[in-house]
Amino acid sequence: MIAIGCTSFKEHTYLTGKKETSLFEYAASFPLVEMDTSFYAIPKLDYVKGWLNQVPASFQFIMKLPKVFTMHEELTGENTLSELAEQFLKSLRPMIDTGHLFCLLAQFPPFFDCKRENVDYLRKLRQLFPATPIAVELRNNTWYDAGLLKQTRAFMKEQGFSLVIVDEPKKLTTTIPLDEYVTNPDFVFLRFHGRNDVGWNATGPDAKRLRTNYRYNKEELENLRDIVTKVKKQSENISVIFNNNAGGDAAENALQFKDLLQLDFENLNPSQLDLF
């Protein structure tokens, strides 16, 4: 199965014409969402239960690991990483038990380069979440160097990680390549950020808005479709997330991509038109 969705459910004015879209409304168009709220804080159990009450039985969530697990923030306070991992999994338990969790996403920062201590940390991350599917997204291209790529792939396979297949800007020397190699055939995650070469390395308060401000054209979507078609030969469980929402383009691009793949999402929520 190929599922397509977007990062967050609120920001997609294209779907409803409203400034904020509810999860129920979003789930009338897509069977999948990436939740980035968990990057900033472990979600409360009541929030998770509330999300599940708004989606159909087949809907899937990709939950971003809290930033303390991906070195975006130093560990502070009394809790150890192991204790925080237990808290996170406890909050997600209803999602896991009902089969709504597609995977956890571990998105590492650009300074997380390919060196021994970081390889060891990835082993530790697997130990923290031994039975949970984890997709790893790397932002430092040393992992993809010609002399290291084979080892990177083998390590991800060994640890049971699904190395995220990422589409990023193409003209920068710092971005990672679109590597269609599948490290875990049990599940594959493709994440499309757009190709904003100018805004990708932006810093400051507007960085997030500038980085993913991009609209894919038809030729680019067709190229990405061909990659998904190749990947499908290696796995029957594929999720695609459009993260190019800074300019409001993700939902429309995602629906265009669905049409290119000739997909028909079944068992979605009813749309407003379906209610009457």
Protein backbone atom coordinates (compact mmCIF):
# COMPACT_ATOMS: atom_id res chain seq x y z
CA MET A 1 0.00 0.00 0.00
CA ILE A 2 1.12 3.54 -0.78
CA ALA A 3 -0.16 6.20 1.62
CA ILE A 4 0.32 9.93 1.02
CA GLY A 5 -0.04 12.81 3.43
CA CYS A 6 1.44 16.04 4.75
CA THR A 7 3.27 17.36 7.76
CA SER A 8 0.72 18.55 10.33
CA PHE A 9 -3.02 18.64 9.69
CA LYS A 10 -3.83 22.23 10.63
CA GLU A 11 -2.02 24.26 7.99
CA HIS A 12 -3.72 23.09 4.81
CA THR A 13 -6.06 25.88 3.75
CA TYR A 14 -6.21 24.30 0.30
CA LEU A 15 -8.34 21.46 1.68
CA THR A 16 -11.01 23.47 3.47
CA GLY A 17 -10.52 27.15 2.66
CA LYS A 18 -10.09 27.77 6.38
CA LYS A 19 -7.06 29.13 8.20
CA GLU A 20 -6.91 25.97 10.31
CA THR A 21 -8.06 22.53 9.24
CA SER A 22 -9.19 20.01 11.85
CA LEU A 23 -7.78 16.50 11.91
CA PHE A 24 -11.25 15.16 11.08
CA GLU A 25 -11.37 17.37 7.98
CA TYR A 26 -7.82 16.50 6.98
CA ALA A 27 -8.60 12.77 7.27
CA ALA A 28 -11.31 13.21 4.62
CA SER A 29 -8.52 13.74 2.06
CA PHE A 30 -5.53 11.75 3.32
CA PRO A 31 -4.91 8.45 5.13
CA LEU A 32 -1.64 9.62 6.71
CA VAL A 33 -0.19 12.55 8.65
CA GLU A 34 3.19 13.41 10.12
CA MET A 35 2.84 14.96 13.57
CA ASP A 36 5.62 17.38 14.43
CA THR A 37 4.11 18.58 17.71
CA SER A 38 5.82 15.66 19.45
CA PHE A 39 9.19 17.11 18.41
CA TYR A 40 8.64 19.95 20.88
CA ALA A 41 7.04 18.01 23.73
CA ILE A 42 5.81 14.53 24.58
CA PRO A 43 2.08 14.65 23.81
CA LYS A 44 -0.37 14.12 26.62
CA LEU A 45 -2.25 10.85 26.60
CA ASP A 46 -5.57 12.68 26.33
CA TYR A 47 -4.36 14.46 23.18
CA VAL A 48 -3.41 11.14 21.58
CA LYS A 49 -6.81 9.66 22.44
CA GLY A 50 -8.46 12.77 21.01
CA TRP A 51 -6.58 12.39 17.72
CA LEU A 52 -7.63 8.76 17.44
CA ASN A 53 -11.27 9.70 17.94
CA GLN A 54 -11.12 11.92 14.86
CA VAL A 55 -9.71 9.45 12.32
CA PRO A 56 -10.93 6.25 10.62
CA ALA A 57 -9.59 2.84 11.60
CA SER A 58 -7.04 2.63 8.77
CA PHE A 59 -5.52 6.10 9.33
CA GLN A 60 -1.79 6.21 10.11
CA PHE A 61 0.39 8.59 12.13
CA ILE A 62 4.10 9.30 11.79
CA MET A 63 5.25 10.70 15.12
CA LYS A 64 8.40 12.80 15.24
CA LEU A 65 10.72 11.91 18.09
CA PRO A 66 11.09 14.65 20.72
CA LYS A 67 14.15 16.80 19.98
CA VAL A 68 16.07 15.60 23.03
CA PHE A 69 16.37 12.20 21.29
CA THR A 70 17.86 13.71 18.12
CA MET A 71 20.41 16.08 19.68
CA HIS A 72 18.48 19.24 18.85
CA GLU A 73 18.33 19.84 22.59
CA GLU A 74 20.53 18.75 25.48
CA LEU A 75 19.09 16.49 28.13
CA THR A 76 18.20 18.48 31.25
CA GLY A 77 16.18 17.80 34.36
CA GLU A 78 15.94 14.67 36.44
CA ASN A 79 14.73 12.21 33.77
CA THR A 80 17.13 10.00 31.85
CA LEU A 81 16.70 9.28 28.14
CA SER A 82 15.40 5.84 29.06
CA GLU A 83 12.75 7.34 31.33
CA LEU A 84 11.72 9.85 28.66
CA ALA A 85 11.48 7.05 26.10
CA GLU A 86 9.16 5.17 28.45
CA GLN A 87 7.01 8.29 28.89
CA PHE A 88 6.82 8.84 25.15
CA LEU A 89 5.82 5.25 24.41
CA LYS A 90 3.27 5.34 27.23
CA SER A 91 1.64 8.42 25.68
CA LEU A 92 1.54 6.69 22.28
CA ARG A 93 0.27 3.37 23.64
CA PRO A 94 -3.33 3.80 22.37
CA MET A 95 -1.96 4.63 18.91
CA ILE A 96 0.37 1.65 18.92
CA ASP A 97 -2.19 -0.81 20.28
CA THR A 98 -4.78 0.14 17.63
CA GLY A 99 -2.32 -0.06 14.72
CA HIS A 100 -2.45 3.65 13.97
CA LEU A 101 1.30 4.26 14.34
CA PHE A 102 3.20 3.93 11.06
CA CYS A 103 6.58 4.79 12.58
CA LEU A 104 8.58 7.18 14.70
CA LEU A 105 10.67 9.73 12.80
CA ALA A 106 14.16 10.52 14.05
CA GLN A 107 15.24 13.63 12.15
CA PHE A 108 18.82 14.52 13.00
CA PRO A 109 20.35 18.00 12.62
CA PRO A 110 22.99 19.00 10.04
CA PHE A 111 25.80 18.77 12.61
CA PHE A 112 25.07 15.07 13.20
CA ASP A 113 27.83 13.77 10.95
CA CYS A 114 29.14 10.28 10.25
CA LYS A 115 31.56 9.51 13.05
CA ARG A 116 31.96 6.77 15.64
CA GLU A 117 30.18 8.49 18.53
CA ASN A 118 27.13 9.24 16.37
CA VAL A 119 27.00 5.67 15.06
CA ASP A 120 27.10 4.52 18.69
CA TYR A 121 24.30 6.93 19.53
CA LEU A 122 22.09 5.43 16.81
CA ARG A 123 22.66 2.03 18.42
CA LYS A 124 21.56 3.54 21.73
CA LEU A 125 18.46 4.99 20.08
CA ARG A 126 17.48 1.55 18.86
CA GLN A 127 17.93 0.21 22.39
CA LEU A 128 15.64 2.93 23.74
CA PHE A 129 12.88 1.90 21.30
CA PRO A 130 13.64 -1.78 20.64
CA ALA A 131 10.23 -2.84 19.34
CA THR A 132 9.06 0.31 17.59
CA PRO A 133 9.49 1.06 13.86
CA ILE A 134 11.88 4.00 13.44
CA ALA A 135 12.68 5.97 10.30
CA VAL A 136 15.96 7.91 10.41
CA GLU A 137 16.44 11.11 8.43
CA LEU A 138 19.99 12.43 8.15
CA ARG A 139 20.78 16.02 7.24
CA ASN A 140 24.59 15.71 7.01
CA ASN A 141 25.86 14.37 3.69
CA THR A 142 28.95 12.68 5.15
CA TRP A 143 26.75 9.61 5.67
CA TYR A 144 26.32 9.50 1.88
CA ASP A 145 29.99 9.94 0.94
CA ALA A 146 31.08 7.42 -1.68
CA GLY A 147 33.38 5.69 0.80
CA LEU A 148 30.77 5.47 3.56
CA LEU A 149 27.41 4.99 1.85
CA LYS A 150 27.67 1.21 1.69
CA GLN A 151 28.41 1.08 5.43
CA THR A 152 25.60 3.55 6.20
CA ARG A 153 23.08 1.40 4.37
CA ALA A 154 24.33 -1.82 5.97
CA PHE A 155 24.21 -0.29 9.45
CA MET A 156 20.64 0.94 8.97
CA LYS A 157 19.59 -2.52 7.81
CA GLU A 158 21.36 -4.15 10.75
CA GLN A 159 19.56 -1.91 13.24
CA GLY A 160 16.17 -2.27 11.57
CA PHE A 161 15.98 1.46 10.74
CA SER A 162 14.23 2.67 7.62
CA LEU A 163 16.56 5.29 6.16
CA VAL A 164 14.25 8.06 4.95
CA ILE A 165 14.31 8.66 1.20
CA VAL A 166 14.52 12.44 1.09
CA ASP A 167 13.96 15.02 -1.61
CA GLU A 168 15.83 18.26 -0.87
CA PRO A 169 17.27 21.15 -2.91
CA LYS A 170 19.56 19.93 -5.69
CA LYS A 171 22.00 22.79 -6.24
CA LEU A 172 23.60 22.93 -2.81
CA THR A 173 26.72 20.99 -1.86
CA THR A 174 25.47 20.48 1.70
CA THR A 175 22.22 18.63 1.00
CA ILE A 176 21.91 14.87 0.84
CA PRO A 177 21.11 12.98 -2.37
CA LEU A 178 17.79 11.39 -3.18
CA ASP A 179 18.90 7.83 -2.42
CA GLU A 180 16.18 5.32 -3.27
CA TYR A 181 17.89 2.43 -1.48
CA VAL A 182 15.53 0.57 0.89
CA THR A 183 17.09 -0.40 4.23
CA ASN A 184 13.96 -1.95 5.75
CA PRO A 185 11.43 -3.52 3.36
CA ASP A 186 8.88 -3.80 6.19
CA PHE A 187 8.18 -0.09 5.81
CA VAL A 188 9.54 2.72 3.64
CA PHE A 189 9.21 6.44 4.29
CA LEU A 190 9.74 9.10 1.62
CA ARG A 191 9.80 12.75 2.71
CA PHE A 192 9.58 15.59 0.18
CA HIS A 193 10.79 18.97 1.45
CA GLY A 194 10.79 20.90 -1.81
CA ARG A 195 13.77 22.32 -3.67
CA ASN A 196 14.15 25.86 -2.36
CA ASP A 197 17.91 26.29 -2.86
CA VAL A 198 17.90 29.87 -1.58
CA GLY A 199 15.87 29.31 1.57
CA TRP A 200 17.09 25.86 2.63
CA ASN A 201 19.95 27.12 4.82
CA ALA A 202 18.07 30.11 6.20
CA THR A 203 18.48 30.92 9.89
CA GLY A 204 16.51 32.99 12.36
CA PRO A 205 12.79 33.16 13.15
CA ASP A 206 11.72 32.84 9.50
CA ALA A 207 13.96 29.85 8.73
CA LYS A 208 11.22 27.21 8.79
CA ARG A 209 8.97 29.31 6.58
CA LEU A 210 11.70 29.91 4.02
CA ARG A 211 13.16 26.40 4.00
CA THR A 212 10.06 24.58 2.77
CA ASN A 213 8.54 27.32 0.63
CA TYR A 214 8.37 25.44 -2.64
CA ARG A 215 5.81 24.18 -5.14
CA TYR A 216 6.63 21.05 -7.12
CA ASN A 217 5.87 21.25 -10.83
CA LYS A 218 4.41 18.42 -12.90
CA GLU A 219 7.77 17.22 -14.23
CA GLU A 220 9.25 17.04 -10.73
CA LEU A 221 6.25 15.14 -9.42
CA GLU A 222 6.50 12.69 -12.30
CA ASN A 223 10.16 12.09 -11.43
CA LEU A 224 9.23 11.43 -7.81
CA ARG A 225 6.42 9.14 -8.93
CA ASP A 226 8.94 7.04 -10.87
CA ILE A 227 11.06 6.70 -7.73
CA VAL A 228 8.07 5.56 -5.66
CA THR A 229 7.21 3.05 -8.38
CA LYS A 230 10.75 1.60 -8.15
CA VAL A 231 10.62 1.49 -4.37
CA LYS A 232 7.29 -0.34 -4.47
CA LYS A 233 9.09 -3.33 -6.00
CA GLN A 234 10.96 -3.65 -2.70
CA SER A 235 8.18 -2.96 -0.20
CA GLU A 236 4.40 -3.08 -0.02
CA ASN A 237 4.25 -0.63 2.88
CA ILE A 238 5.16 2.87 1.66
CA SER A 239 4.37 6.28 3.12
CA VAL A 240 5.01 9.60 1.38
CA ILE A 241 4.93 12.91 3.22
CA PHE A 242 4.94 16.33 1.56
CA ASN A 243 6.68 18.79 3.87
CA ASN A 244 6.67 21.76 1.46
CA ASN A 245 3.94 23.61 3.27
CA ALA A 246 5.52 26.98 4.05
CA GLY A 247 3.74 28.47 1.04
CA GLY A 248 0.65 26.30 1.41
CA ASP A 249 1.62 23.92 -1.43
CA ALA A 250 1.87 20.56 0.36
CA ALA A 251 -1.76 19.45 0.25
CA GLU A 252 -2.29 20.32 -3.41
CA ASN A 253 1.00 18.70 -4.44
CA ALA A 254 0.10 15.61 -2.39
CA LEU A 255 -3.26 15.26 -4.15
CA GLN A 256 -1.59 15.76 -7.53
CA PHE A 257 0.88 13.04 -6.61
CA LYS A 258 -1.98 10.73 -5.63
CA ASP A 259 -3.49 11.21 -9.09
CA LEU A 260 -0.16 10.57 -10.82
CA LEU A 261 0.12 7.26 -8.97
CA GLN A 262 -3.52 6.51 -9.83
CA LEU A 263 -4.35 5.85 -6.19
CA ASP A 264 -7.78 5.77 -4.65
CA PHE A 265 -7.74 6.22 -0.89
CA GLU A 266 -10.56 4.24 0.69
CA ASN A 267 -12.16 4.44 4.12
CA LEU A 268 -11.47 8.13 4.65
CA ASN A 269 -13.60 10.40 6.79
CA PRO A 270 -16.67 11.83 5.10
CA SER A 271 -16.16 15.26 3.60
CA GLN A 272 -18.57 18.10 4.27
CA LEU A 273 -20.20 17.46 0.89
CA ASP A 274 -20.73 13.82 1.87
CA LEU A 275 -22.67 14.84 4.97
CA PHE A 276 -25.71 16.08 3.02
